Amino acid sequence: MDIVKNGEKEAMIIPKGRIDMSNSHILKDKLLELYNDSYLFITIDFSDVAGIDSSGLGKLLLFQKKLKEKNGELKIINVSSEYIKKMFEMIHLNKVIHIETL
């Protein structure tokens, strides 16, 4: 999982493969690291993500809430998996998190 820092308050996380119960703690750790370093605008690039389960979704929602409390934002870009697009639409994740390309 790569991290690209853009300026003082913006960063991007680029996960690969699946985000599930076996590894969603890594995403949480990366998000927490950025949050603790005062990054308020975090983008997650989903172009190489093949799947996500409820534990991964929970991490996304938790950090959207934390960032919003500090006037920040979590954004998801480049959702390439049709399965993930359908899941995000089904649970109305786009009502809570800014999702581009959905």
N, C-alpha and C. Protein backbone atom coordinates (compact mmCIF):
# COMPACT_ATOMS: atom_id res chain seq x y z
N MET A 1 0.85 -1.18 0.00
CA MET A 1 0.00 0.00 0.00
C MET A 1 0.90 1.23 0.00
N ASP A 2 0.79 2.00 -1.06
CA ASP A 2 1.63 3.19 -1.19
C ASP A 2 0.92 4.44 -0.68
N ILE A 3 1.70 5.41 -0.21
CA ILE A 3 1.18 6.70 0.22
C ILE A 3 1.92 7.79 -0.56
N VAL A 4 1.16 8.73 -1.11
CA VAL A 4 1.74 9.88 -1.80
C VAL A 4 1.26 11.12 -1.06
N LYS A 5 2.19 11.92 -0.56
CA LYS A 5 1.83 13.14 0.17
C LYS A 5 1.93 14.33 -0.76
N ASN A 6 0.82 15.09 -0.85
CA ASN A 6 0.75 16.27 -1.72
C ASN A 6 0.58 17.50 -0.85
N GLY A 7 1.65 18.17 -0.56
CA GLY A 7 1.54 19.37 0.27
C GLY A 7 1.40 19.02 1.74
N GLU A 8 0.95 20.01 2.49
CA GLU A 8 0.89 19.84 3.94
C GLU A 8 -0.35 19.12 4.44
N LYS A 9 -1.47 19.21 3.70
CA LYS A 9 -2.72 18.68 4.21
C LYS A 9 -3.35 17.61 3.32
N GLU A 10 -2.76 17.32 2.16
CA GLU A 10 -3.33 16.36 1.23
C GLU A 10 -2.43 15.15 1.05
N ALA A 11 -3.07 13.97 0.98
CA ALA A 11 -2.31 12.74 0.75
C ALA A 11 -3.19 11.75 0.01
N MET A 12 -2.54 10.78 -0.64
CA MET A 12 -3.25 9.73 -1.36
C MET A 12 -2.72 8.38 -0.91
N ILE A 13 -3.65 7.45 -0.72
CA ILE A 13 -3.31 6.07 -0.40
C ILE A 13 -3.67 5.23 -1.62
N ILE A 14 -2.77 4.33 -2.01
CA ILE A 14 -3.00 3.50 -3.19
C ILE A 14 -2.92 2.02 -2.77
N PRO A 15 -4.06 1.47 -2.33
CA PRO A 15 -4.06 0.04 -1.96
C PRO A 15 -4.11 -0.85 -3.19
N LYS A 16 -3.75 -2.11 -3.01
CA LYS A 16 -3.78 -3.07 -4.11
C LYS A 16 -4.46 -4.36 -3.65
N GLY A 17 -5.16 -5.01 -4.57
CA GLY A 17 -5.80 -6.29 -4.23
C GLY A 17 -7.12 -6.10 -3.51
N ARG A 18 -7.35 -6.94 -2.52
CA ARG A 18 -8.58 -6.87 -1.74
C ARG A 18 -8.34 -6.12 -0.43
N ILE A 19 -9.37 -5.43 0.04
CA ILE A 19 -9.36 -4.84 1.37
C ILE A 19 -10.39 -5.63 2.16
N ASP A 20 -9.90 -6.49 3.06
CA ASP A 20 -10.82 -7.34 3.81
C ASP A 20 -10.34 -7.52 5.24
N MET A 21 -11.00 -8.41 5.96
CA MET A 21 -10.72 -8.59 7.38
C MET A 21 -9.24 -8.94 7.64
N SER A 22 -8.61 -9.61 6.69
CA SER A 22 -7.22 -10.03 6.90
C SER A 22 -6.22 -8.88 6.80
N ASN A 23 -6.61 -7.78 6.12
CA ASN A 23 -5.63 -6.70 5.94
C ASN A 23 -6.19 -5.29 6.10
N SER A 24 -7.46 -5.15 6.45
CA SER A 24 -8.03 -3.80 6.56
C SER A 24 -7.37 -2.99 7.68
N HIS A 25 -6.74 -3.69 8.63
CA HIS A 25 -6.01 -2.98 9.69
C HIS A 25 -4.83 -2.18 9.11
N ILE A 26 -4.28 -2.63 7.99
CA ILE A 26 -3.19 -1.89 7.35
C ILE A 26 -3.71 -0.56 6.81
N LEU A 27 -4.88 -0.60 6.16
CA LEU A 27 -5.51 0.63 5.68
C LEU A 27 -5.80 1.56 6.86
N LYS A 28 -6.33 1.00 7.93
CA LYS A 28 -6.62 1.81 9.12
C LYS A 28 -5.34 2.45 9.66
N ASP A 29 -4.27 1.68 9.73
CA ASP A 29 -2.99 2.22 10.24
C ASP A 29 -2.47 3.35 9.36
N LYS A 30 -2.57 3.20 8.04
CA LYS A 30 -2.11 4.25 7.12
C LYS A 30 -2.97 5.50 7.26
N LEU A 31 -4.29 5.31 7.34
CA LEU A 31 -5.20 6.45 7.52
C LEU A 31 -4.92 7.15 8.85
N LEU A 32 -4.71 6.37 9.90
CA LEU A 32 -4.44 6.95 11.21
C LEU A 32 -3.12 7.71 11.23
N GLU A 33 -2.12 7.17 10.55
CA GLU A 33 -0.82 7.84 10.44
C GLU A 33 -0.98 9.22 9.78
N LEU A 34 -1.70 9.24 8.67
CA LEU A 34 -1.93 10.51 7.97
C LEU A 34 -2.75 11.47 8.82
N TYR A 35 -3.79 10.95 9.46
CA TYR A 35 -4.65 11.76 10.32
C TYR A 35 -3.85 12.38 11.47
N ASN A 36 -3.03 11.57 12.09
CA ASN A 36 -2.19 12.05 13.21
C ASN A 36 -1.13 13.05 12.76
N ASP A 37 -0.75 12.99 11.47
CA ASP A 37 0.20 13.95 10.90
C ASP A 37 -0.51 15.18 10.33
N SER A 38 -1.80 15.34 10.67
CA SER A 38 -2.64 16.50 10.31
C SER A 38 -2.99 16.59 8.83
N TYR A 39 -3.00 15.46 8.13
CA TYR A 39 -3.50 15.44 6.76
C TYR A 39 -5.03 15.40 6.84
N LEU A 40 -5.68 16.40 6.27
CA LEU A 40 -7.13 16.52 6.38
C LEU A 40 -7.87 16.11 5.11
N PHE A 41 -7.16 16.04 3.99
CA PHE A 41 -7.78 15.68 2.72
C PHE A 41 -7.07 14.45 2.18
N ILE A 42 -7.71 13.31 2.36
CA ILE A 42 -7.10 12.03 2.01
C ILE A 42 -7.90 11.39 0.88
N THR A 43 -7.20 11.03 -0.18
CA THR A 43 -7.80 10.37 -1.33
C THR A 43 -7.32 8.92 -1.34
N ILE A 44 -8.25 8.02 -1.61
CA ILE A 44 -7.88 6.61 -1.77
C ILE A 44 -8.12 6.24 -3.22
N ASP A 45 -7.07 5.82 -3.90
CA ASP A 45 -7.13 5.44 -5.31
C ASP A 45 -7.47 3.94 -5.39
N PHE A 46 -8.67 3.64 -5.87
CA PHE A 46 -9.17 2.27 -5.93
C PHE A 46 -8.86 1.58 -7.26
N SER A 47 -7.99 2.16 -8.11
CA SER A 47 -7.77 1.59 -9.44
C SER A 47 -7.23 0.15 -9.39
N ASP A 48 -6.51 -0.23 -8.33
CA ASP A 48 -5.97 -1.58 -8.22
C ASP A 48 -6.64 -2.40 -7.12
N VAL A 49 -7.83 -1.96 -6.67
CA VAL A 49 -8.55 -2.69 -5.61
C VAL A 49 -9.56 -3.62 -6.27
N ALA A 50 -9.46 -4.91 -5.95
CA ALA A 50 -10.32 -5.91 -6.57
C ALA A 50 -11.58 -6.20 -5.76
N GLY A 51 -11.55 -5.88 -4.46
CA GLY A 51 -12.70 -6.16 -3.62
C GLY A 51 -12.55 -5.50 -2.27
N ILE A 52 -13.69 -5.37 -1.57
CA ILE A 52 -13.68 -4.79 -0.23
C ILE A 52 -14.82 -5.42 0.55
N ASP A 53 -14.58 -5.73 1.82
CA ASP A 53 -15.64 -6.30 2.64
C ASP A 53 -16.06 -5.30 3.71
N SER A 54 -16.93 -5.73 4.62
CA SER A 54 -17.49 -4.81 5.62
C SER A 54 -16.43 -4.23 6.55
N SER A 55 -15.36 -4.97 6.82
CA SER A 55 -14.32 -4.42 7.69
C SER A 55 -13.61 -3.26 7.00
N GLY A 56 -13.38 -3.36 5.70
CA GLY A 56 -12.78 -2.27 4.95
C GLY A 56 -13.71 -1.08 4.85
N LEU A 57 -14.99 -1.34 4.60
CA LEU A 57 -15.98 -0.26 4.54
C LEU A 57 -16.06 0.47 5.87
N GLY A 58 -15.99 -0.28 6.96
CA GLY A 58 -16.03 0.32 8.29
C GLY A 58 -14.88 1.29 8.52
N LYS A 59 -13.70 0.92 8.04
CA LYS A 59 -12.53 1.81 8.19
C LYS A 59 -12.74 3.10 7.40
N LEU A 60 -13.28 2.98 6.19
CA LEU A 60 -13.55 4.16 5.37
C LEU A 60 -14.53 5.10 6.07
N LEU A 61 -15.60 4.54 6.59
CA LEU A 61 -16.63 5.36 7.26
C LEU A 61 -16.09 6.01 8.53
N LEU A 62 -15.30 5.26 9.29
CA LEU A 62 -14.71 5.80 10.51
C LEU A 62 -13.84 7.02 10.21
N PHE A 63 -13.00 6.92 9.19
CA PHE A 63 -12.10 8.03 8.90
C PHE A 63 -12.80 9.18 8.20
N GLN A 64 -13.85 8.90 7.45
CA GLN A 64 -14.63 10.01 6.89
C GLN A 64 -15.20 10.85 8.04
N LYS A 65 -15.70 10.17 9.05
CA LYS A 65 -16.27 10.87 10.21
C LYS A 65 -15.19 11.68 10.93
N LYS A 66 -14.04 11.06 11.17
CA LYS A 66 -12.95 11.75 11.87
C LYS A 66 -12.47 12.98 11.08
N LEU A 67 -12.31 12.82 9.77
CA LEU A 67 -11.84 13.93 8.95
C LEU A 67 -12.88 15.04 8.87
N LYS A 68 -14.14 14.67 8.75
CA LYS A 68 -15.20 15.67 8.66
C LYS A 68 -15.28 16.51 9.93
N GLU A 69 -15.01 15.90 11.08
CA GLU A 69 -15.02 16.62 12.35
C GLU A 69 -13.96 17.73 12.37
N LYS A 70 -12.92 17.58 11.54
CA LYS A 70 -11.86 18.59 11.46
C LYS A 70 -11.94 19.37 10.14
N ASN A 71 -13.13 19.36 9.52
CA ASN A 71 -13.36 20.04 8.23
C ASN A 71 -12.51 19.49 7.10
N GLY A 72 -12.19 18.21 7.18
CA GLY A 72 -11.45 17.54 6.11
C GLY A 72 -12.38 16.67 5.30
N GLU A 73 -11.79 15.82 4.45
CA GLU A 73 -12.61 14.96 3.60
C GLU A 73 -11.83 13.72 3.18
N LEU A 74 -12.54 12.61 3.14
CA LEU A 74 -12.02 11.39 2.55
C LEU A 74 -12.68 11.25 1.18
N LYS A 75 -11.86 11.00 0.16
CA LYS A 75 -12.37 10.88 -1.20
C LYS A 75 -11.86 9.59 -1.81
N ILE A 76 -12.71 8.93 -2.59
CA ILE A 76 -12.34 7.71 -3.29
C ILE A 76 -12.37 8.00 -4.78
N ILE A 77 -11.30 7.60 -5.48
CA ILE A 77 -11.22 7.82 -6.92
C ILE A 77 -10.91 6.51 -7.64
N ASN A 78 -11.17 6.51 -8.94
CA ASN A 78 -10.77 5.41 -9.84
C ASN A 78 -11.28 4.04 -9.43
N VAL A 79 -12.55 3.95 -9.09
CA VAL A 79 -13.13 2.64 -8.78
C VAL A 79 -13.28 1.89 -10.11
N SER A 80 -12.46 0.87 -10.30
CA SER A 80 -12.45 0.16 -11.58
C SER A 80 -13.28 -1.13 -11.53
N SER A 81 -13.45 -1.70 -10.37
CA SER A 81 -14.19 -2.95 -10.22
C SER A 81 -15.70 -2.68 -10.27
N GLU A 82 -16.38 -3.36 -11.20
CA GLU A 82 -17.84 -3.22 -11.30
C GLU A 82 -18.51 -3.70 -10.02
N TYR A 83 -17.96 -4.74 -9.41
CA TYR A 83 -18.50 -5.27 -8.15
C TYR A 83 -18.46 -4.19 -7.06
N ILE A 84 -17.32 -3.52 -6.94
CA ILE A 84 -17.19 -2.47 -5.92
C ILE A 84 -18.12 -1.31 -6.24
N LYS A 85 -18.22 -0.91 -7.50
CA LYS A 85 -19.13 0.18 -7.88
C LYS A 85 -20.56 -0.16 -7.47
N LYS A 86 -20.99 -1.39 -7.76
CA LYS A 86 -22.35 -1.80 -7.41
C LYS A 86 -22.55 -1.83 -5.91
N MET A 87 -21.55 -2.31 -5.18
CA MET A 87 -21.66 -2.34 -3.72
C MET A 87 -21.77 -0.93 -3.15
N PHE A 88 -20.91 -0.02 -3.61
CA PHE A 88 -20.96 1.36 -3.13
C PHE A 88 -22.32 1.99 -3.41
N GLU A 89 -22.87 1.72 -4.60
CA GLU A 89 -24.18 2.26 -4.95
C GLU A 89 -25.28 1.65 -4.07
N MET A 90 -25.20 0.34 -3.86
CA MET A 90 -26.21 -0.37 -3.09
C MET A 90 -26.29 0.14 -1.65
N ILE A 91 -25.14 0.42 -1.05
CA ILE A 91 -25.15 0.88 0.34
C ILE A 91 -25.14 2.41 0.44
N HIS A 92 -25.25 3.07 -0.72
CA HIS A 92 -25.30 4.55 -0.78
C HIS A 92 -24.09 5.20 -0.13
N LEU A 93 -22.92 4.59 -0.32
CA LEU A 93 -21.69 5.14 0.25
C LEU A 93 -21.39 6.52 -0.32
N ASN A 94 -21.83 6.76 -1.57
CA ASN A 94 -21.59 8.05 -2.20
C ASN A 94 -22.35 9.19 -1.50
N LYS A 95 -23.29 8.86 -0.64
CA LYS A 95 -24.01 9.90 0.13
C LYS A 95 -23.16 10.37 1.31
N VAL A 96 -22.18 9.55 1.70
CA VAL A 96 -21.36 9.84 2.87
C VAL A 96 -19.93 10.22 2.49
N ILE A 97 -19.39 9.54 1.47
CA ILE A 97 -18.01 9.76 1.04
C ILE A 97 -18.03 10.20 -0.43
N HIS A 98 -17.22 11.20 -0.75
CA HIS A 98 -17.11 11.68 -2.13
C HIS A 98 -16.43 10.58 -2.95
N ILE A 99 -17.17 10.05 -3.93
CA ILE A 99 -16.63 8.98 -4.78
C ILE A 99 -16.67 9.46 -6.23
N GLU A 100 -15.50 9.59 -6.84
CA GLU A 100 -15.42 9.97 -8.25
C GLU A 100 -15.47 8.71 -9.11
N THR A 101 -15.95 8.85 -10.31
CA THR A 101 -16.05 7.76 -11.30
C THR A 101 -17.07 6.71 -10.91
N LEU A 102 -18.12 7.07 -10.20
CA LEU A 102 -19.13 6.08 -9.82
C LEU A 102 -20.35 6.27 -10.69
